[in-house]
Amino acid sequence: MSDFLSPPTLFKCLADATRARMALLILREGELCVCELIHALDDSQPKISRHLAQLRSCGLLLDRRQGQWIYYRINPALPAWVTQVLDTTLQANQPWLQNDALRLDAMGNRPQRASTCC
């Protein structure tokens, strides 16, 4: 689907603050599972899962299963311009993500990744 990712599709996908925060945190961390996003964003599992599904359906995220955990990462096949927009947005908006990042960094018992895939 990322072959068809146009600017309006990308910006519509990221127009919700929760989805934008999730995408940027995932970019910052490499990959995150639902429980980490729930903790970082201080939000409910159904809301987080719904937003993850939207980010996957527009082609921004891929997922992988490891035991009971499903990990989400930025799609490595995204066009270069999309990656550049995400990277620039992350670097320019550290204060906006600060509280989320602090909650994530302070989270105890984070799931252990066997290894990142692909």
C-alpha atoms as a PDB file:
ATOM      1  CA  MET A   1       0.000   0.000   0.000  1.00  0.00           C
ATOM      2  CA  SER A   2       2.933   2.370   0.575  1.00  0.00           C
ATOM      3  CA  ASP A   3       3.373   2.556  -3.242  1.00  0.00           C
ATOM      4  CA  PHE A   4       0.167   4.596  -3.262  1.00  0.00           C
ATOM      5  CA  LEU A   5       0.971   6.763  -0.240  1.00  0.00           C
ATOM      6  CA  SER A   6       0.259  10.286  -1.379  1.00  0.00           C
ATOM      7  CA  PRO A   7       0.755  13.456   0.681  1.00  0.00           C
ATOM      8  CA  PRO A   8      -2.990  13.733   1.468  1.00  0.00           C
ATOM      9  CA  THR A   9      -3.065  10.079   2.587  1.00  0.00           C
ATOM     10  CA  LEU A  10      -0.013  10.513   4.811  1.00  0.00           C
ATOM     11  CA  PHE A  11      -1.217  13.714   6.418  1.00  0.00           C
ATOM     12  CA  LYS A  12      -4.740  12.362   6.894  1.00  0.00           C
ATOM     13  CA  CYS A  13      -3.261   9.289   8.573  1.00  0.00           C
ATOM     14  CA  LEU A  14      -1.174  11.459  10.926  1.00  0.00           C
ATOM     15  CA  ALA A  15      -3.821  14.174  11.456  1.00  0.00           C
ATOM     16  CA  ASP A  16      -4.923  12.634  14.751  1.00  0.00           C
ATOM     17  CA  ALA A  17      -2.616  13.550  17.650  1.00  0.00           C
ATOM     18  CA  THR A  18      -2.664  10.008  19.056  1.00  0.00           C
ATOM     19  CA  ARG A  19      -1.628   8.483  15.715  1.00  0.00           C
ATOM     20  CA  ALA A  20       1.086  11.108  15.219  1.00  0.00           C
ATOM     21  CA  ARG A  21       2.465  10.506  18.722  1.00  0.00           C
ATOM     22  CA  MET A  22       2.400   6.737  18.194  1.00  0.00           C
ATOM     23  CA  ALA A  23       4.187   6.928  14.851  1.00  0.00           C
ATOM     24  CA  LEU A  24       6.889   9.209  16.224  1.00  0.00           C
ATOM     25  CA  LEU A  25       7.423   7.089  19.348  1.00  0.00           C
ATOM     26  CA  ILE A  26       7.700   3.965  17.219  1.00  0.00           C
ATOM     27  CA  LEU A  27      10.190   5.748  14.967  1.00  0.00           C
ATOM     28  CA  ARG A  28      12.168   6.864  18.046  1.00  0.00           C
ATOM     29  CA  GLU A  29      12.251   3.362  19.568  1.00  0.00           C
ATOM     30  CA  GLY A  30      12.510   1.223  16.425  1.00  0.00           C
ATOM     31  CA  GLU A  31       9.500  -0.857  17.433  1.00  0.00           C
ATOM     32  CA  LEU A  32       6.969  -0.940  20.244  1.00  0.00           C
ATOM     33  CA  CYS A  33       4.234  -3.307  21.402  1.00  0.00           C
ATOM     34  CA  VAL A  34       0.693  -2.343  22.357  1.00  0.00           C
ATOM     35  CA  CYS A  35       1.402  -2.479  26.099  1.00  0.00           C
ATOM     36  CA  GLU A  36       4.308  -0.033  25.701  1.00  0.00           C
ATOM     37  CA  LEU A  37       2.138   2.371  23.705  1.00  0.00           C
ATOM     38  CA  ILE A  38      -0.667   2.121  26.279  1.00  0.00           C
ATOM     39  CA  HIS A  39       1.809   3.033  29.011  1.00  0.00           C
ATOM     40  CA  ALA A  40       3.570   5.804  27.057  1.00  0.00           C
ATOM     41  CA  LEU A  41       0.379   7.473  25.852  1.00  0.00           C
ATOM     42  CA  ASP A  42      -1.576   6.792  29.047  1.00  0.00           C
ATOM     43  CA  ASP A  43      -4.547   5.609  27.018  1.00  0.00           C
ATOM     44  CA  SER A  44      -6.828   2.568  26.731  1.00  0.00           C
ATOM     45  CA  GLN A  45      -6.009  -0.614  24.837  1.00  0.00           C
ATOM     46  CA  PRO A  46      -9.024  -0.367  22.485  1.00  0.00           C
ATOM     47  CA  LYS A  47      -8.109   3.197  21.483  1.00  0.00           C
ATOM     48  CA  ILE A  48      -4.440   2.330  20.933  1.00  0.00           C
ATOM     49  CA  SER A  49      -5.336  -0.786  18.922  1.00  0.00           C
ATOM     50  CA  ARG A  50      -7.801   1.159  16.763  1.00  0.00           C
ATOM     51  CA  HIS A  51      -5.182   3.787  15.941  1.00  0.00           C
ATOM     52  CA  LEU A  52      -2.535   1.124  15.229  1.00  0.00           C
ATOM     53  CA  ALA A  53      -4.938  -0.509  12.770  1.00  0.00           C
ATOM     54  CA  GLN A  54      -5.366   2.821  10.981  1.00  0.00           C
ATOM     55  CA  LEU A  55      -1.599   3.364  10.788  1.00  0.00           C
ATOM     56  CA  ARG A  56      -1.180  -0.150   9.384  1.00  0.00           C
ATOM     57  CA  SER A  57      -3.990   0.262   6.864  1.00  0.00           C
ATOM     58  CA  CYS A  58      -2.443   3.426   5.404  1.00  0.00           C
ATOM     59  CA  GLY A  59       0.889   1.599   5.060  1.00  0.00           C
ATOM     60  CA  LEU A  60       2.927   3.458   7.693  1.00  0.00           C
ATOM     61  CA  LEU A  61       3.376   0.515  10.066  1.00  0.00           C
ATOM     62  CA  LEU A  62       4.190  -3.166   9.851  1.00  0.00           C
ATOM     63  CA  ASP A  63       3.766  -5.647  12.664  1.00  0.00           C
ATOM     64  CA  ARG A  64       5.352  -8.893  13.789  1.00  0.00           C
ATOM     65  CA  ARG A  65       4.341 -11.426  16.387  1.00  0.00           C
ATOM     66  CA  GLN A  66       6.743 -12.696  19.031  1.00  0.00           C
ATOM     67  CA  GLY A  67       5.019 -15.045  21.447  1.00  0.00           C
ATOM     68  CA  GLN A  68       2.143 -13.167  23.045  1.00  0.00           C
ATOM     69  CA  TRP A  69       3.410  -9.777  21.862  1.00  0.00           C
ATOM     70  CA  ILE A  70       2.776  -7.958  18.601  1.00  0.00           C
ATOM     71  CA  TYR A  71       5.428  -5.379  17.782  1.00  0.00           C
ATOM     72  CA  TYR A  72       4.889  -2.426  15.454  1.00  0.00           C
ATOM     73  CA  ARG A  73       7.576  -0.692  13.404  1.00  0.00           C
ATOM     74  CA  ILE A  74       7.717   1.910  10.670  1.00  0.00           C
ATOM     75  CA  ASN A  75       7.379   0.267   7.271  1.00  0.00           C
ATOM     76  CA  PRO A  76      10.908   0.130   5.809  1.00  0.00           C
ATOM     77  CA  ALA A  77       9.466   0.191   2.276  1.00  0.00           C
ATOM     78  CA  LEU A  78       8.034   3.698   2.659  1.00  0.00           C
ATOM     79  CA  PRO A  79       9.036   6.205  -0.012  1.00  0.00           C
ATOM     80  CA  ALA A  80      12.073   8.284   0.957  1.00  0.00           C
ATOM     81  CA  TRP A  81      10.030  11.485   1.186  1.00  0.00           C
ATOM     82  CA  VAL A  82       7.763   9.905   3.848  1.00  0.00           C
ATOM     83  CA  THR A  83      10.739   8.747   5.900  1.00  0.00           C
ATOM     84  CA  GLN A  84      12.234  12.219   5.614  1.00  0.00           C
ATOM     85  CA  VAL A  85       9.000  13.859   6.809  1.00  0.00           C
ATOM     86  CA  LEU A  86       8.804  11.491   9.783  1.00  0.00           C
ATOM     87  CA  ASP A  87      12.485  11.929  10.713  1.00  0.00           C
ATOM     88  CA  THR A  88      12.279  15.720  10.477  1.00  0.00           C
ATOM     89  CA  THR A  89       9.057  15.800  12.496  1.00  0.00           C
ATOM     90  CA  LEU A  90      10.558  13.617  15.225  1.00  0.00           C
ATOM     91  CA  GLN A  91      13.730  15.694  15.499  1.00  0.00           C
ATOM     92  CA  ALA A  92      11.862  19.012  15.529  1.00  0.00           C
ATOM     93  CA  ASN A  93       9.246  17.972  18.085  1.00  0.00           C
ATOM     94  CA  GLN A  94      11.083  16.338  20.992  1.00  0.00           C
ATOM     95  CA  PRO A  95       9.370  18.639  23.543  1.00  0.00           C
ATOM     96  CA  TRP A  96       5.930  17.607  22.206  1.00  0.00           C
ATOM     97  CA  LEU A  97       6.790  13.938  22.832  1.00  0.00           C
ATOM     98  CA  GLN A  98       8.679  14.488  26.077  1.00  0.00           C
ATOM     99  CA  ASN A  99       5.967  13.303  28.498  1.00  0.00           C
ATOM    100  CA  ASP A 100       5.212  10.214  26.394  1.00  0.00           C
ATOM    101  CA  ALA A 101       8.911   9.388  26.101  1.00  0.00           C
ATOM    102  CA  LEU A 102       9.450   9.832  29.848  1.00  0.00           C
ATOM    103  CA  ARG A 103       6.540   7.508  30.667  1.00  0.00           C
ATOM    104  CA  LEU A 104       7.889   4.926  28.215  1.00  0.00           C
ATOM    105  CA  ASP A 105      11.439   5.194  29.564  1.00  0.00           C
ATOM    106  CA  ALA A 106      10.144   4.739  33.131  1.00  0.00           C
ATOM    107  CA  MET A 107       8.019   1.698  32.259  1.00  0.00           C
ATOM    108  CA  GLY A 108       8.978  -1.372  34.231  1.00  0.00           C
ATOM    109  CA  ASN A 109       8.759  -4.927  32.882  1.00  0.00           C
ATOM    110  CA  ARG A 110       8.913  -3.966  29.228  1.00  0.00           C
ATOM    111  CA  PRO A 111       8.710  -7.011  26.973  1.00  0.00           C
ATOM    112  CA  GLN A 112      12.058  -8.393  25.843  1.00  0.00           C
ATOM    113  CA  ARG A 113      12.614  -8.564  22.110  1.00  0.00           C
ATOM    114  CA  ALA A 114      14.331 -11.716  20.884  1.00  0.00           C
ATOM    115  CA  SER A 115      15.587  -9.732  17.907  1.00  0.00           C
ATOM    116  CA  THR A 116      14.203  -7.223  15.523  1.00  0.00           C
ATOM    117  CA  CYS A 117      13.049  -8.661  12.305  1.00  0.00           C
ATOM    118  CA  CYS A 118      13.945  -7.653   8.765  1.00  0.00           C
END
